[in-house]
N, C-alpha and C. Protein backbone atom coordinates (compact mmCIF):
# COMPACT_ATOMS: atom_id res chain seq x y z
N MET A 1 0.85 -1.19 0.00
CA MET A 1 0.00 0.00 0.00
C MET A 1 0.89 1.24 0.00
N ALA A 2 0.54 2.19 -0.79
CA ALA A 2 1.33 3.42 -0.91
C ALA A 2 1.24 4.24 0.37
N ASP A 3 2.32 4.92 0.69
CA ASP A 3 2.34 5.81 1.86
C ASP A 3 1.77 7.16 1.44
N LEU A 4 0.51 7.37 1.76
CA LEU A 4 -0.16 8.60 1.36
C LEU A 4 -0.08 9.62 2.48
N LYS A 5 0.27 10.82 2.14
CA LYS A 5 0.34 11.90 3.11
C LYS A 5 -0.63 12.99 2.68
N TYR A 6 -1.45 13.43 3.61
CA TYR A 6 -2.42 14.48 3.33
C TYR A 6 -1.71 15.82 3.23
N THR A 7 -1.90 16.50 2.12
CA THR A 7 -1.36 17.83 1.93
C THR A 7 -2.52 18.74 1.53
N PRO A 8 -2.96 19.61 2.45
CA PRO A 8 -4.11 20.46 2.12
C PRO A 8 -3.76 21.43 1.00
N VAL A 9 -4.76 21.74 0.20
CA VAL A 9 -4.62 22.71 -0.88
C VAL A 9 -5.18 24.03 -0.37
N ARG A 10 -4.37 25.05 -0.37
CA ARG A 10 -4.80 26.35 0.12
C ARG A 10 -5.76 26.98 -0.87
N HIS A 11 -6.90 27.41 -0.37
CA HIS A 11 -7.92 28.04 -1.21
C HIS A 11 -7.67 29.54 -1.23
N GLN A 12 -7.49 30.09 -2.41
CA GLN A 12 -7.27 31.52 -2.57
C GLN A 12 -8.62 32.16 -2.90
N HIS A 13 -9.40 32.49 -1.88
CA HIS A 13 -10.77 32.96 -2.07
C HIS A 13 -10.83 34.24 -2.90
N ASP A 14 -9.93 35.17 -2.67
CA ASP A 14 -9.93 36.43 -3.44
C ASP A 14 -9.71 36.18 -4.92
N GLN A 15 -8.80 35.28 -5.24
CA GLN A 15 -8.54 34.95 -6.64
C GLN A 15 -9.74 34.24 -7.26
N PHE A 16 -10.35 33.35 -6.49
CA PHE A 16 -11.55 32.67 -6.96
C PHE A 16 -12.65 33.68 -7.29
N LEU A 17 -12.89 34.63 -6.37
CA LEU A 17 -13.93 35.64 -6.60
C LEU A 17 -13.61 36.51 -7.81
N ALA A 18 -12.36 36.88 -7.98
CA ALA A 18 -11.97 37.72 -9.12
C ALA A 18 -12.31 37.02 -10.45
N ARG A 19 -12.03 35.72 -10.53
CA ARG A 19 -12.37 34.97 -11.74
C ARG A 19 -13.88 34.82 -11.89
N ALA A 20 -14.56 34.53 -10.79
CA ALA A 20 -16.01 34.29 -10.83
C ALA A 20 -16.78 35.55 -11.22
N ARG A 21 -16.30 36.71 -10.78
CA ARG A 21 -17.01 37.97 -11.09
C ARG A 21 -17.07 38.26 -12.58
N LYS A 22 -16.24 37.62 -13.35
CA LYS A 22 -16.23 37.82 -14.80
C LYS A 22 -17.41 37.12 -15.48
N ARG A 23 -18.05 36.17 -14.77
CA ARG A 23 -19.20 35.48 -15.34
C ARG A 23 -20.43 36.38 -15.24
N ALA A 24 -21.28 36.34 -16.26
CA ALA A 24 -22.42 37.25 -16.37
C ALA A 24 -23.37 37.21 -15.19
N SER A 25 -23.77 36.07 -14.73
CA SER A 25 -24.79 35.99 -13.69
C SER A 25 -24.22 35.95 -12.28
N PHE A 26 -22.92 36.05 -12.14
CA PHE A 26 -22.29 35.87 -10.83
C PHE A 26 -22.77 36.89 -9.79
N GLN A 27 -22.72 38.18 -10.12
CA GLN A 27 -23.03 39.22 -9.13
C GLN A 27 -24.43 39.05 -8.53
N GLU A 28 -25.42 38.82 -9.39
CA GLU A 28 -26.79 38.68 -8.91
C GLU A 28 -26.92 37.46 -7.99
N THR A 29 -26.38 36.35 -8.42
CA THR A 29 -26.46 35.12 -7.63
C THR A 29 -25.70 35.27 -6.32
N TYR A 30 -24.51 35.86 -6.37
CA TYR A 30 -23.69 36.03 -5.17
C TYR A 30 -24.41 36.95 -4.17
N ALA A 31 -25.02 38.00 -4.65
CA ALA A 31 -25.75 38.92 -3.78
C ALA A 31 -26.92 38.22 -3.10
N GLU A 32 -27.62 37.36 -3.84
CA GLU A 32 -28.74 36.62 -3.27
C GLU A 32 -28.30 35.68 -2.15
N LEU A 33 -27.08 35.18 -2.24
CA LEU A 33 -26.57 34.22 -1.24
C LEU A 33 -25.67 34.88 -0.19
N SER A 34 -25.57 36.18 -0.21
CA SER A 34 -24.65 36.89 0.67
C SER A 34 -24.83 36.54 2.15
N LEU A 35 -26.06 36.56 2.63
CA LEU A 35 -26.31 36.26 4.03
C LEU A 35 -25.90 34.83 4.37
N GLU A 36 -26.23 33.88 3.49
CA GLU A 36 -25.84 32.49 3.72
C GLU A 36 -24.32 32.35 3.81
N TYR A 37 -23.61 33.03 2.89
CA TYR A 37 -22.14 32.96 2.92
C TYR A 37 -21.58 33.58 4.21
N GLN A 38 -22.18 34.64 4.68
CA GLN A 38 -21.73 35.26 5.93
C GLN A 38 -21.91 34.30 7.10
N ILE A 39 -23.06 33.65 7.17
CA ILE A 39 -23.33 32.71 8.26
C ILE A 39 -22.37 31.54 8.20
N ILE A 40 -22.19 30.97 7.00
CA ILE A 40 -21.27 29.84 6.85
C ILE A 40 -19.86 30.25 7.24
N GLY A 41 -19.45 31.44 6.83
CA GLY A 41 -18.12 31.94 7.21
C GLY A 41 -17.96 32.02 8.72
N GLN A 42 -19.01 32.47 9.40
CA GLN A 42 -18.95 32.55 10.87
C GLN A 42 -18.90 31.16 11.50
N LEU A 43 -19.64 30.22 10.95
CA LEU A 43 -19.59 28.85 11.47
C LEU A 43 -18.18 28.28 11.35
N LEU A 44 -17.59 28.45 10.18
CA LEU A 44 -16.24 27.92 9.94
C LEU A 44 -15.20 28.59 10.84
N GLN A 45 -15.32 29.90 11.00
CA GLN A 45 -14.37 30.62 11.86
C GLN A 45 -14.51 30.19 13.32
N ALA A 46 -15.74 30.00 13.77
CA ALA A 46 -15.96 29.58 15.16
C ALA A 46 -15.40 28.18 15.40
N ARG A 47 -15.61 27.28 14.44
CA ARG A 47 -15.07 25.93 14.59
C ARG A 47 -13.55 25.94 14.59
N ALA A 48 -12.96 26.77 13.72
CA ALA A 48 -11.50 26.88 13.66
C ALA A 48 -10.95 27.45 14.97
N ARG A 49 -11.59 28.50 15.51
CA ARG A 49 -11.15 29.07 16.79
C ARG A 49 -11.20 28.04 17.90
N ALA A 50 -12.23 27.19 17.85
CA ALA A 50 -12.37 26.16 18.88
C ALA A 50 -11.41 24.99 18.64
N GLY A 51 -10.78 24.96 17.47
CA GLY A 51 -9.83 23.90 17.16
C GLY A 51 -10.50 22.53 17.01
N LEU A 52 -11.72 22.53 16.48
CA LEU A 52 -12.49 21.30 16.38
C LEU A 52 -12.64 20.85 14.93
N THR A 53 -12.72 19.55 14.75
CA THR A 53 -13.03 18.98 13.44
C THR A 53 -14.55 18.87 13.31
N GLN A 54 -14.99 18.60 12.09
CA GLN A 54 -16.41 18.36 11.90
C GLN A 54 -16.87 17.16 12.72
N ASP A 55 -16.04 16.13 12.82
CA ASP A 55 -16.37 14.96 13.64
C ASP A 55 -16.60 15.35 15.09
N ALA A 56 -15.72 16.19 15.63
CA ALA A 56 -15.83 16.60 17.03
C ALA A 56 -17.09 17.42 17.28
N VAL A 57 -17.40 18.33 16.36
CA VAL A 57 -18.62 19.14 16.51
C VAL A 57 -19.84 18.22 16.43
N ALA A 58 -19.83 17.29 15.49
CA ALA A 58 -20.94 16.35 15.34
C ALA A 58 -21.15 15.56 16.63
N GLU A 59 -20.07 15.09 17.22
CA GLU A 59 -20.17 14.33 18.46
C GLU A 59 -20.77 15.18 19.58
N ARG A 60 -20.32 16.42 19.69
CA ARG A 60 -20.85 17.32 20.72
C ARG A 60 -22.32 17.64 20.51
N MET A 61 -22.75 17.65 19.24
CA MET A 61 -24.14 17.95 18.92
C MET A 61 -25.02 16.70 18.89
N GLY A 62 -24.40 15.53 18.96
CA GLY A 62 -25.16 14.29 18.89
C GLY A 62 -25.70 14.02 17.50
N THR A 63 -24.87 14.33 16.49
CA THR A 63 -25.29 14.14 15.10
C THR A 63 -24.13 13.53 14.33
N THR A 64 -24.18 13.59 13.01
CA THR A 64 -23.14 12.99 12.17
C THR A 64 -22.28 14.06 11.50
N LYS A 65 -21.11 13.63 11.06
CA LYS A 65 -20.21 14.53 10.34
C LYS A 65 -20.86 15.04 9.06
N SER A 66 -21.61 14.18 8.37
CA SER A 66 -22.25 14.62 7.13
C SER A 66 -23.27 15.72 7.39
N THR A 67 -23.93 15.68 8.53
CA THR A 67 -24.86 16.75 8.89
C THR A 67 -24.11 18.06 9.08
N ILE A 68 -22.96 18.01 9.74
CA ILE A 68 -22.15 19.21 9.95
C ILE A 68 -21.63 19.72 8.62
N SER A 69 -21.22 18.82 7.75
CA SER A 69 -20.73 19.21 6.43
C SER A 69 -21.82 19.95 5.65
N ARG A 70 -23.04 19.44 5.68
CA ARG A 70 -24.15 20.12 4.99
C ARG A 70 -24.43 21.48 5.62
N LEU A 71 -24.35 21.55 6.94
CA LEU A 71 -24.59 22.80 7.65
C LEU A 71 -23.57 23.87 7.26
N GLU A 72 -22.33 23.44 7.03
CA GLU A 72 -21.25 24.37 6.71
C GLU A 72 -21.10 24.63 5.21
N ALA A 73 -22.03 24.15 4.41
CA ALA A 73 -21.96 24.32 2.96
C ALA A 73 -23.12 25.18 2.48
N ALA A 74 -22.85 26.01 1.49
CA ALA A 74 -23.92 26.80 0.89
C ALA A 74 -24.77 25.88 0.03
N GLY A 75 -26.03 26.10 0.04
CA GLY A 75 -26.92 25.28 -0.76
C GLY A 75 -28.36 25.52 -0.39
N LYS A 76 -29.17 24.54 -0.63
CA LYS A 76 -30.60 24.67 -0.39
C LYS A 76 -30.97 24.41 1.06
N HIS A 77 -30.04 23.90 1.84
CA HIS A 77 -30.32 23.57 3.24
C HIS A 77 -30.33 24.84 4.08
N SER A 78 -31.42 25.09 4.78
CA SER A 78 -31.51 26.22 5.71
C SER A 78 -31.65 25.66 7.12
N PRO A 79 -30.61 25.80 7.93
CA PRO A 79 -30.67 25.22 9.28
C PRO A 79 -31.68 25.95 10.16
N SER A 80 -32.25 25.21 11.08
CA SER A 80 -33.19 25.80 12.02
C SER A 80 -32.44 26.62 13.07
N LEU A 81 -33.16 27.48 13.74
CA LEU A 81 -32.58 28.26 14.83
C LEU A 81 -32.04 27.33 15.91
N SER A 82 -32.77 26.27 16.18
CA SER A 82 -32.35 25.29 17.18
C SER A 82 -31.01 24.65 16.80
N THR A 83 -30.85 24.31 15.53
CA THR A 83 -29.60 23.71 15.06
C THR A 83 -28.44 24.71 15.19
N LEU A 84 -28.68 25.95 14.82
CA LEU A 84 -27.64 26.97 14.94
C LEU A 84 -27.23 27.18 16.40
N LYS A 85 -28.20 27.14 17.31
CA LYS A 85 -27.90 27.27 18.75
C LYS A 85 -27.03 26.11 19.22
N ARG A 86 -27.39 24.89 18.80
CA ARG A 86 -26.62 23.71 19.20
C ARG A 86 -25.20 23.76 18.63
N TYR A 87 -25.07 24.21 17.39
CA TYR A 87 -23.74 24.34 16.78
C TYR A 87 -22.92 25.36 17.56
N ALA A 88 -23.51 26.51 17.84
CA ALA A 88 -22.80 27.55 18.59
C ALA A 88 -22.32 27.02 19.92
N GLN A 89 -23.17 26.32 20.63
CA GLN A 89 -22.78 25.76 21.92
C GLN A 89 -21.64 24.75 21.76
N ALA A 90 -21.71 23.93 20.72
CA ALA A 90 -20.69 22.90 20.48
C ALA A 90 -19.32 23.49 20.23
N VAL A 91 -19.26 24.71 19.65
CA VAL A 91 -17.96 25.34 19.35
C VAL A 91 -17.62 26.43 20.38
N GLY A 92 -18.36 26.45 21.49
CA GLY A 92 -18.04 27.37 22.58
C GLY A 92 -18.47 28.80 22.34
N CYS A 93 -19.57 28.97 21.62
CA CYS A 93 -20.07 30.31 21.31
C CYS A 93 -21.53 30.43 21.75
N GLU A 94 -22.02 31.65 21.70
CA GLU A 94 -23.45 31.87 21.86
C GLU A 94 -23.97 32.45 20.56
N LEU A 95 -25.19 32.13 20.22
CA LEU A 95 -25.78 32.62 18.99
C LEU A 95 -26.46 33.95 19.26
N GLN A 96 -26.15 34.95 18.45
CA GLN A 96 -26.81 36.24 18.53
C GLN A 96 -27.34 36.60 17.16
N ILE A 97 -28.55 37.11 17.12
CA ILE A 97 -29.16 37.51 15.86
C ILE A 97 -29.57 38.96 15.99
N THR A 98 -29.20 39.76 15.01
CA THR A 98 -29.49 41.18 15.04
C THR A 98 -30.24 41.58 13.78
N LEU A 99 -31.33 42.29 13.94
CA LEU A 99 -32.06 42.85 12.80
C LEU A 99 -31.61 44.28 12.62
N VAL A 100 -31.13 44.62 11.43
CA VAL A 100 -30.58 45.93 11.14
C VAL A 100 -31.50 46.64 10.16
N PRO A 101 -31.91 47.86 10.45
CA PRO A 101 -32.78 48.59 9.52
C PRO A 101 -32.12 48.74 8.15
N GLN A 102 -32.92 48.62 7.10
CA GLN A 102 -32.40 48.75 5.74
C GLN A 102 -32.06 50.20 5.46
N GLN A 103 -31.05 50.40 4.65
CA GLN A 103 -30.64 51.74 4.24
C GLN A 103 -31.53 52.20 3.10
N GLY A 104 -31.91 53.47 3.12
CA GLY A 104 -32.64 54.01 1.99
C GLY A 104 -34.06 54.06 2.23
């Protein structure tokens, strides 16, 4: 069996966005998903700060790694408030939601 060593590939998000912005429908679609991307970014940052893997968060929440993976991915899945609270607790955070008046 080959000796395989995991070497992570660094994601250059700014470069990715620069290329993606050149596509015609990108801006509209990206704007529609802006809030979801912000939430996912916060989930990932909180898990990283806590130094936890998806497996560890899943164990703390009493769920599976695949559930955590779906939660941390943009898509059609909209997590419940209860799920977000449990995730926050699992990574040592509290969930806060703020409604901000629209500009204009």
